[in-house]
C-alpha atoms as a PDB file:
ATOM      1  CA  MET A   1     -30.793-130.744 148.614  1.00  0.00           C
ATOM      2  CA  GLY A   2     -33.336-133.016 150.307  1.00  0.00           C
ATOM      3  CA  LYS A   3     -31.083-136.029 149.807  1.00  0.00           C
ATOM      4  CA  THR A   4     -28.096-134.230 151.322  1.00  0.00           C
ATOM      5  CA  ALA A   5     -30.228-133.057 154.249  1.00  0.00           C
ATOM      6  CA  ARG A   6     -31.353-136.652 154.894  1.00  0.00           C
ATOM      7  CA  ILE A   7     -27.803-138.030 154.620  1.00  0.00           C
ATOM      8  CA  LEU A   8     -26.520-135.494 157.150  1.00  0.00           C
ATOM      9  CA  GLY A   9     -29.587-135.444 159.379  1.00  0.00           C
ATOM     10  CA  MET A  10     -30.001-131.704 158.822  1.00  0.00           C
ATOM     11  CA  SER A  11     -32.990-129.759 157.658  1.00  0.00           C
ATOM     12  CA  VAL A  12     -33.070-128.184 154.226  1.00  0.00           C
ATOM     13  CA  ASP A  13     -33.554-124.830 155.963  1.00  0.00           C
ATOM     14  CA  THR A  14     -30.329-125.368 157.914  1.00  0.00           C
ATOM     15  CA  LEU A  15     -28.394-126.041 154.708  1.00  0.00           C
ATOM     16  CA  ARG A  16     -29.821-122.900 153.124  1.00  0.00           C
ATOM     17  CA  TYR A  17     -28.999-120.901 156.254  1.00  0.00           C
ATOM     18  CA  TYR A  18     -25.386-122.093 156.316  1.00  0.00           C
ATOM     19  CA  GLU A  19     -25.025-121.035 152.703  1.00  0.00           C
ATOM     20  CA  LYS A  20     -26.730-117.688 153.388  1.00  0.00           C
ATOM     21  CA  ILE A  21     -24.416-116.788 156.298  1.00  0.00           C
ATOM     22  CA  GLY A  22     -21.312-118.001 154.487  1.00  0.00           C
ATOM     23  CA  LEU A  23     -20.469-121.072 156.568  1.00  0.00           C
ATOM     24  CA  LEU A  24     -20.939-122.961 153.344  1.00  0.00           C
ATOM     25  CA  PRO A  25     -19.696-121.355 150.128  1.00  0.00           C
ATOM     26  CA  PRO A  26     -22.239-120.958 147.332  1.00  0.00           C
ATOM     27  CA  VAL A  27     -23.280-124.429 146.218  1.00  0.00           C
ATOM     28  CA  ALA A  28     -23.339-125.439 142.563  1.00  0.00           C
ATOM     29  CA  ARG A  29     -26.794-125.415 140.996  1.00  0.00           C
ATOM     30  CA  ASP A  30     -28.246-127.102 137.976  1.00  0.00           C
ATOM     31  CA  SER A  31     -30.197-125.310 135.243  1.00  0.00           C
ATOM     32  CA  GLN A  32     -33.363-125.596 137.342  1.00  0.00           C
ATOM     33  CA  GLY A  33     -31.741-123.974 140.371  1.00  0.00           C
ATOM     34  CA  ARG A  34     -31.433-127.145 142.452  1.00  0.00           C
ATOM     35  CA  ARG A  35     -28.349-127.315 144.633  1.00  0.00           C
ATOM     36  CA  HIS A  36     -25.803-130.047 144.029  1.00  0.00           C
ATOM     37  CA  PHE A  37     -23.407-130.620 146.898  1.00  0.00           C
ATOM     38  CA  ALA A  38     -19.863-131.705 146.065  1.00  0.00           C
ATOM     39  CA  ALA A  39     -17.826-134.009 148.305  1.00  0.00           C
ATOM     40  CA  ARG A  40     -15.987-130.963 149.721  1.00  0.00           C
ATOM     41  CA  ASP A  41     -19.356-129.453 150.722  1.00  0.00           C
ATOM     42  CA  LEU A  42     -20.307-132.649 152.542  1.00  0.00           C
ATOM     43  CA  ARG A  43     -16.936-132.704 154.344  1.00  0.00           C
ATOM     44  CA  ARG A  44     -17.461-129.097 155.389  1.00  0.00           C
ATOM     45  CA  LEU A  45     -20.988-129.808 156.625  1.00  0.00           C
ATOM     46  CA  ARG A  46     -19.780-132.819 158.619  1.00  0.00           C
ATOM     47  CA  PHE A  47     -17.041-130.624 160.120  1.00  0.00           C
ATOM     48  CA  ILE A  48     -19.732-128.115 161.160  1.00  0.00           C
ATOM     49  CA  GLN A  49     -21.826-130.885 162.710  1.00  0.00           C
ATOM     50  CA  ARG A  50     -18.901-132.261 164.700  1.00  0.00           C
ATOM     51  CA  ALA A  51     -17.961-128.807 165.952  1.00  0.00           C
ATOM     52  CA  GLN A  52     -21.564-128.154 166.983  1.00  0.00           C
ATOM     53  CA  ARG A  53     -21.622-131.428 168.926  1.00  0.00           C
ATOM     54  CA  CYS A  54     -18.625-130.031 170.835  1.00  0.00           C
ATOM     55  CA  ASP A  55     -20.789-126.984 171.620  1.00  0.00           C
ATOM     56  CA  PHE A  56     -18.980-124.489 169.408  1.00  0.00           C
ATOM     57  CA  SER A  57     -21.144-121.581 168.257  1.00  0.00           C
ATOM     58  CA  LEU A  58     -21.536-120.768 164.574  1.00  0.00           C
ATOM     59  CA  ASP A  59     -19.144-117.827 164.983  1.00  0.00           C
ATOM     60  CA  GLU A  60     -16.586-120.104 166.622  1.00  0.00           C
ATOM     61  CA  ILE A  61     -17.101-122.678 163.880  1.00  0.00           C
ATOM     62  CA  ARG A  62     -16.403-119.964 161.317  1.00  0.00           C
ATOM     63  CA  VAL A  63     -12.988-119.421 162.991  1.00  0.00           C
ATOM     64  CA  LEU A  64     -12.347-123.171 163.012  1.00  0.00           C
ATOM     65  CA  LEU A  65     -13.274-123.449 159.338  1.00  0.00           C
ATOM     66  CA  GLU A  66     -10.906-120.609 158.466  1.00  0.00           C
ATOM     67  CA  SER A  67      -8.182-122.419 160.409  1.00  0.00           C
ATOM     68  CA  ARG A  68      -8.448-125.536 158.252  1.00  0.00           C
ATOM     69  CA  SER A  69      -6.287-124.027 155.512  1.00  0.00           C
ATOM     70  CA  CYS A  70      -3.299-123.204 157.751  1.00  0.00           C
ATOM     71  CA  ARG A  71      -3.442-125.785 160.503  1.00  0.00           C
ATOM     72  CA  ASP A  72       0.045-125.294 161.945  1.00  0.00           C
ATOM     73  CA  ALA A  73      -0.261-121.520 162.144  1.00  0.00           C
ATOM     74  CA  ALA A  74      -3.802-121.783 163.512  1.00  0.00           C
ATOM     75  CA  ARG A  75      -3.002-124.297 166.239  1.00  0.00           C
ATOM     76  CA  PRO A  76      -2.525-121.730 169.068  1.00  0.00           C
ATOM     77  CA  GLU A  77      -5.812-119.964 168.254  1.00  0.00           C
ATOM     78  CA  VAL A  78      -7.706-123.242 167.911  1.00  0.00           C
ATOM     79  CA  ALA A  79      -6.210-124.463 171.194  1.00  0.00           C
ATOM     80  CA  ARG A  80      -7.206-121.197 172.924  1.00  0.00           C
ATOM     81  CA  LEU A  81     -10.739-121.444 171.571  1.00  0.00           C
ATOM     82  CA  THR A  82     -11.012-125.079 172.628  1.00  0.00           C
ATOM     83  CA  GLN A  83      -9.602-124.337 176.092  1.00  0.00           C
ATOM     84  CA  GLN A  84     -12.242-121.624 176.563  1.00  0.00           C
ATOM     85  CA  LYS A  85     -14.941-124.038 175.402  1.00  0.00           C
ATOM     86  CA  LEU A  86     -13.702-126.607 177.907  1.00  0.00           C
ATOM     87  CA  ARG A  87     -13.829-124.011 180.711  1.00  0.00           C
ATOM     88  CA  ASP A  88     -17.387-123.095 179.682  1.00  0.00           C
ATOM     89  CA  VAL A  89     -18.445-126.752 179.768  1.00  0.00           C
ATOM     90  CA  GLN A  90     -16.797-127.274 183.155  1.00  0.00           C
ATOM     91  CA  ALA A  91     -18.636-124.228 184.526  1.00  0.00           C
ATOM     92  CA  ARG A  92     -21.950-125.531 183.211  1.00  0.00           C
ATOM     93  CA  ILE A  93     -21.275-128.937 184.785  1.00  0.00           C
ATOM     94  CA  ALA A  94     -20.601-127.225 188.127  1.00  0.00           C
ATOM     95  CA  GLU A  95     -23.862-125.272 187.790  1.00  0.00           C
ATOM     96  CA  LEU A  96     -25.741-128.467 186.946  1.00  0.00           C
ATOM     97  CA  ASN A  97     -24.233-130.220 189.983  1.00  0.00           C
ATOM     98  CA  LEU A  98     -25.497-127.394 192.205  1.00  0.00           C
ATOM     99  CA  LEU A  99     -28.895-127.595 190.542  1.00  0.00           C
ATOM    100  CA  GLN A 100     -28.994-131.335 191.138  1.00  0.00           C
ATOM    101  CA  GLN A 101     -28.253-130.807 194.836  1.00  0.00           C
ATOM    102  CA  GLU A 102     -30.894-128.088 195.143  1.00  0.00           C
ATOM    103  CA  LEU A 103     -33.547-130.191 193.446  1.00  0.00           C
ATOM    104  CA  GLY A 104     -32.628-133.172 195.603  1.00  0.00           C
ATOM    105  CA  ASN A 105     -32.961-131.040 198.751  1.00  0.00           C
ATOM    106  CA  LEU A 106     -36.324-129.708 197.608  1.00  0.00           C
ATOM    107  CA  LEU A 107     -37.577-133.196 196.874  1.00  0.00           C
ATOM    108  CA  GLN A 108     -36.452-134.445 200.293  1.00  0.00           C
ATOM    109  CA  ARG A 109     -38.301-131.555 201.977  1.00  0.00           C
ATOM    110  CA  CYS A 110     -41.383-132.350 199.950  1.00  0.00           C
ATOM    111  CA  GLU A 111     -41.312-136.043 200.817  1.00  0.00           C
ATOM    112  CA  ALA A 112     -40.759-135.267 204.525  1.00  0.00           C
ATOM    113  CA  SER A 113     -43.581-132.726 204.702  1.00  0.00           C
ATOM    114  CA  ASP A 114     -47.137-133.654 205.586  1.00  0.00           C
ATOM    115  CA  GLN A 115     -48.604-130.251 204.781  1.00  0.00           C
ATOM    116  CA  GLY A 116     -48.246-127.583 202.146  1.00  0.00           C
ATOM    117  CA  CYS A 117     -45.672-127.800 199.407  1.00  0.00           C
ATOM    118  CA  PRO A 118     -42.093-126.974 200.402  1.00  0.00           C
ATOM    119  CA  ILE A 119     -41.087-126.683 196.751  1.00  0.00           C
ATOM    120  CA  ILE A 120     -43.697-124.011 195.981  1.00  0.00           C
ATOM    121  CA  ASP A 121     -42.912-122.333 199.304  1.00  0.00           C
ATOM    122  CA  ARG A 122     -39.192-122.186 198.408  1.00  0.00           C
ATOM    123  CA  PHE A 123     -39.912-120.683 194.994  1.00  0.00           C
ATOM    124  CA  ASP A 124     -42.307-118.179 196.590  1.00  0.00           C
ATOM    125  CA  ALA A 125     -39.843-117.115 199.311  1.00  0.00           C
ATOM    126  CA  PRO A 126     -38.487-113.557 199.122  1.00  0.00           C
ATOM    127  CA  THR A 127     -34.973-113.283 197.741  1.00  0.00           C
ATOM    128  CA  LYS A 128     -32.134-112.372 200.053  1.00  0.00           C
END
């Protein structure tokens, strides 16, 4: 399992966890109980990694994995899931843009001030 973890850049604990929660079917073991990953297991794990990089949750990845066997029939559901993920990412980008503006404004106030700390003052201010 250590070799597979190194190849994929995953921890051994992550591989065990994926097997435990059923994202990865039970892996073949030798007589000493060591796991031996088949090529299909590696493909599945790479699929999981790619989906995670696109910010899909493990539950969403489970749906995507189930969709692999009937791609044409699953297309509308996969498209809906991906569209929702895109909307979530766009919302986070908008929030980050607002955060960037706020931090920039705070920094400008700080640099323009010759007394106190406008940043601490802003954080200490009562909420509206």
